[in-house]
Amino acid sequence: MKEQDKLVVFSLDRKRFGIALSAVERIVHAVEITPLSGSQDRTLGVIDMQGHAVPVVNTRARLGLPLRAIGRSDRFIIAETSGKKVSLVVDEVIGLVETEAIDSAHRAAPIAERGCIEGVTRGDEGMILVCDLDRLIGGHEVEALDSARP
């Protein structure tokens, strides 16, 4: 099984999502976030990862899910997109799943309408919405983070 054939599966609002394992660097417990001035609504701030500021993406806002405060049981998925490290806030990391086939994103509506769902696949526990990390984050948002200050 190749790394690009695996997804890191996580949950948000009782929905299951997946991103390519090849994009994931690590998964950590929720930590304190330093707010940024000039950041967009979809960015919560930055966290310190071994001396580097990593932007924290409000994954719920990006996917159009109900917003809520970050809790102690939440996880941050540290991933790389467009050459930049980002942290995705998720409710829970479920594990790894091997992808067999990814169906068209139109079956994942209405979340697919946000443009960041690549498609759907099935795991042992049911349907998984497969996220395109580059579209989930958005190149212009990553660039905006470079100019934001804590």
Protein backbone atom coordinates (compact mmCIF):
# COMPACT_ATOMS: atom_id res chain seq x y z
CA MET A 1 0.00 0.00 0.00
CA LYS A 2 1.43 3.37 -1.02
CA GLU A 3 1.31 6.40 1.27
CA GLN A 4 -0.73 8.41 -1.28
CA ASP A 5 -3.36 5.64 -1.19
CA LYS A 6 -3.97 6.27 2.53
CA LEU A 7 -6.14 8.91 4.15
CA VAL A 8 -5.95 10.33 7.65
CA VAL A 9 -9.60 10.21 8.71
CA PHE A 10 -10.96 12.78 11.17
CA SER A 11 -14.35 13.89 12.39
CA LEU A 12 -16.02 17.26 12.56
CA ASP A 13 -19.59 17.64 13.73
CA ARG A 14 -20.09 13.83 13.48
CA LYS A 15 -19.07 13.85 9.80
CA ARG A 16 -16.01 11.91 8.65
CA PHE A 17 -13.40 13.58 6.48
CA GLY A 18 -10.07 12.45 5.09
CA ILE A 19 -6.89 14.07 3.82
CA ALA A 20 -3.94 12.41 2.12
CA LEU A 21 -1.48 10.90 4.58
CA SER A 22 1.35 12.23 2.42
CA ALA A 23 0.34 15.81 3.41
CA VAL A 24 0.23 15.12 7.17
CA GLU A 25 3.30 15.77 9.29
CA ARG A 26 1.89 15.01 12.73
CA ILE A 27 -1.17 15.11 14.95
CA VAL A 28 -1.10 16.92 18.29
CA HIS A 29 -3.45 17.71 21.15
CA ALA A 30 -5.08 21.14 21.05
CA VAL A 31 -2.77 23.82 22.44
CA GLU A 32 -3.01 27.55 23.08
CA ILE A 33 -3.49 29.64 19.94
CA THR A 34 -1.96 33.10 19.60
CA PRO A 35 -4.46 35.35 17.78
CA LEU A 36 -3.28 37.29 14.72
CA SER A 37 -4.15 40.84 13.80
CA GLY A 38 -5.23 41.10 10.20
CA SER A 39 -6.06 37.40 9.88
CA GLN A 40 -9.19 36.30 8.10
CA ASP A 41 -12.19 34.66 9.79
CA ARG A 42 -11.04 31.26 8.65
CA THR A 43 -7.74 31.57 10.49
CA LEU A 44 -7.81 31.37 14.29
CA GLY A 45 -4.18 32.42 14.86
CA VAL A 46 -0.88 30.58 15.16
CA ILE A 47 0.66 27.89 17.35
CA ASP A 48 4.31 27.36 18.20
CA MET A 49 5.67 24.15 16.68
CA GLN A 50 9.30 23.74 17.68
CA GLY A 51 10.01 27.45 17.36
CA HIS A 52 7.99 27.98 14.16
CA ALA A 53 4.66 29.79 13.95
CA VAL A 54 2.11 27.52 12.27
CA PRO A 55 -1.24 29.06 11.24
CA VAL A 56 -4.36 27.41 12.67
CA VAL A 57 -7.17 27.05 10.15
CA ASN A 58 -10.75 27.20 11.39
CA THR A 59 -11.68 23.97 9.64
CA ARG A 60 -15.32 24.21 10.71
CA ALA A 61 -15.71 27.66 9.14
CA ARG A 62 -13.98 26.54 5.95
CA LEU A 63 -16.36 23.58 5.61
CA GLY A 64 -19.45 25.59 6.58
CA LEU A 65 -20.07 23.63 9.77
CA PRO A 66 -21.43 25.09 13.03
CA LEU A 67 -18.71 26.94 14.94
CA ARG A 68 -17.77 26.04 18.50
CA ALA A 69 -14.96 26.72 20.94
CA ILE A 70 -11.90 24.47 20.80
CA GLY A 71 -11.93 21.88 23.57
CA ARG A 72 -9.23 19.89 25.31
CA SER A 73 -10.19 16.73 23.45
CA ASP A 74 -9.78 18.38 20.02
CA ARG A 75 -6.77 17.63 17.85
CA PHE A 76 -4.63 19.67 15.48
CA ILE A 77 -3.50 18.02 12.27
CA ILE A 78 -0.23 19.60 11.15
CA ALA A 79 -0.10 19.34 7.38
CA GLU A 80 1.74 20.90 4.46
CA THR A 81 0.07 22.59 1.52
CA SER A 82 1.61 24.77 -1.16
CA GLY A 83 4.92 24.50 0.68
CA LYS A 84 3.45 25.95 3.90
CA LYS A 85 2.68 24.21 7.18
CA VAL A 86 -0.82 24.67 8.56
CA SER A 87 -2.77 23.26 11.47
CA LEU A 88 -6.32 21.98 10.97
CA VAL A 89 -8.60 21.95 14.01
CA VAL A 90 -10.59 18.69 14.17
CA ASP A 91 -12.85 17.08 16.76
CA GLU A 92 -11.16 13.70 16.64
CA VAL A 93 -8.63 11.78 14.56
CA ILE A 94 -10.13 8.39 13.77
CA GLY A 95 -7.16 6.77 12.05
CA LEU A 96 -5.89 5.68 8.66
CA VAL A 97 -7.87 4.14 5.85
CA GLU A 98 -6.70 2.75 2.55
CA THR A 99 -8.56 4.31 -0.35
CA GLU A 100 -9.92 2.07 -3.03
CA ALA A 101 -11.93 4.45 -5.18
CA ILE A 102 -12.98 8.05 -4.78
CA ASP A 103 -16.38 8.92 -6.23
CA SER A 104 -17.26 12.34 -7.61
CA ALA A 105 -17.73 15.17 -5.09
CA HIS A 106 -21.31 15.93 -6.17
CA ARG A 107 -22.45 13.04 -3.97
CA ALA A 108 -21.13 14.92 -0.93
CA ALA A 109 -23.43 17.96 -1.37
CA PRO A 110 -23.94 20.46 0.23
CA ILE A 111 -20.42 20.45 1.71
CA ALA A 112 -19.00 19.74 -1.76
CA GLU A 113 -20.40 23.07 -2.91
CA ARG A 114 -17.66 24.76 -0.87
CA GLY A 115 -15.19 23.50 -3.47
CA CYS A 116 -12.77 21.77 -1.10
CA ILE A 117 -14.23 18.26 -1.25
CA GLU A 118 -12.49 16.16 -3.87
CA GLY A 119 -14.90 13.25 -3.57
CA VAL A 120 -16.20 10.50 -1.32
CA THR A 121 -14.95 7.05 -0.43
CA ARG A 122 -16.08 4.32 1.92
CA GLY A 123 -14.33 3.07 4.99
CA ASP A 124 -15.27 0.33 7.46
CA GLU A 125 -17.43 2.81 9.38
CA GLY A 126 -19.17 4.41 6.37
CA MET A 127 -18.73 7.35 4.02
CA ILE A 128 -15.65 9.61 4.16
CA LEU A 129 -15.58 13.04 2.51
CA VAL A 130 -12.15 13.40 0.91
CA CYS A 131 -10.72 16.93 1.23
CA ASP A 132 -8.41 18.58 -1.25
CA LEU A 133 -6.02 20.26 1.19
CA ASP A 134 -4.90 22.98 -1.24
CA ARG A 135 -8.50 24.01 -1.90
CA LEU A 136 -9.47 23.61 1.77
CA ILE A 137 -6.82 26.10 2.83
CA GLY A 138 -6.85 28.31 -0.25
CA GLY A 139 -3.62 29.77 -1.63
CA HIS A 140 -4.68 33.37 -1.01
CA GLU A 141 -5.35 32.58 2.66
CA VAL A 142 -1.89 31.08 3.12
CA GLU A 143 -0.34 34.17 1.52
CA ALA A 144 -2.38 36.43 3.80
CA LEU A 145 -0.98 34.57 6.82
CA ASP A 146 2.55 35.54 5.80
CA SER A 147 1.72 39.21 6.29
CA ALA A 148 -0.32 38.81 9.51
CA ARG A 149 1.39 39.53 12.83
CA PRO A 150 0.76 38.07 16.31
